[in-house]
Protein backbone atom coordinates (compact mmCIF):
# COMPACT_ATOMS: atom_id res chain seq x y z
CA MET A 1 85.10 181.02 105.28
CA THR A 2 84.19 178.54 102.63
CA GLU A 3 86.11 178.01 99.44
CA GLU A 4 83.51 180.06 97.60
CA GLU A 5 84.28 183.06 99.82
CA GLU A 6 88.08 182.79 99.54
CA PRO A 7 89.59 186.00 98.14
CA GLU A 8 91.16 185.89 94.71
CA GLU A 9 94.95 185.86 94.73
CA GLU A 10 95.44 187.75 91.47
CA ASP A 11 97.84 190.27 93.02
CA GLY A 12 99.77 187.73 95.03
CA PRO A 13 99.30 186.49 98.59
CA VAL A 14 96.71 188.11 100.83
CA ASP A 15 96.44 188.35 104.62
CA GLN A 16 93.57 187.06 106.80
CA LEU A 17 91.45 190.10 105.91
CA GLY A 18 91.92 189.66 102.17
CA ILE A 19 94.30 192.62 101.87
CA PRO A 20 97.11 192.01 99.36
CA MET A 21 100.44 191.76 101.16
CA SER A 22 102.09 193.84 98.42
CA ARG A 23 99.76 196.81 99.06
CA GLU A 24 101.38 199.89 100.55
CA PRO A 25 100.29 200.48 104.17
CA THR A 26 97.88 203.32 104.91
CA LEU A 27 97.27 205.35 108.07
CA ASP A 28 94.27 203.19 108.99
CA ASP A 29 96.02 199.92 108.20
CA VAL A 30 95.50 197.23 110.82
CA ARG A 31 98.67 195.36 109.93
CA GLY A 32 101.45 196.37 112.25
CA ASP A 33 105.19 195.96 112.03
CA GLY A 34 105.55 194.31 115.39
CA ASP A 35 105.97 196.28 118.58
CA GLN A 36 107.76 199.30 117.09
CA HIS A 37 104.79 201.66 117.49
CA ARG A 38 104.05 200.39 120.98
CA ARG A 39 107.64 201.05 122.03
CA LEU A 40 107.48 204.53 120.52
CA ALA A 41 104.24 205.31 122.37
CA LEU A 42 105.62 204.01 125.67
CA GLY A 43 108.84 205.96 125.21
CA CYS A 44 106.97 209.19 124.51
CA SER A 45 104.72 208.58 127.52
CA LEU A 46 107.72 208.06 129.78
CA ILE A 47 109.33 211.26 128.49
CA VAL A 48 106.14 213.23 129.20
CA VAL A 49 105.87 211.77 132.71
CA ALA A 50 109.54 212.59 133.38
CA LEU A 51 109.08 216.18 132.16
CA VAL A 52 105.98 216.70 134.32
CA ALA A 53 107.77 215.26 137.36
CA ALA A 54 110.82 217.45 136.68
CA PHE A 55 108.57 220.52 136.39
CA TRP A 56 107.06 219.87 139.82
CA VAL A 57 110.45 219.15 141.42
CA VAL A 58 111.86 222.43 140.07
CA ARG A 59 108.71 224.32 141.08
CA VAL A 60 108.84 223.02 144.64
CA MET A 61 112.57 223.77 144.91
CA TRP A 62 112.24 227.36 143.63
CA LEU A 63 108.90 228.38 145.12
CA GLY A 64 108.74 226.15 148.15
CA ALA A 65 105.96 223.80 149.11
CA ASP A 66 103.44 226.62 149.69
């Protein structure tokens, strides 16, 4: 980016994409808050895997391996 293409800083500091840092985040916002969402997704995935595994363990115990 050249100096001519630099975004205006009328509303305060901006990030690398030219989005004002003071802007409220939206659902499609690319700025994250660290690894919080990744941890949430991994935790939910582990819970789902544990529930599926528990279902099959209970099924095999009650109905047998037939």
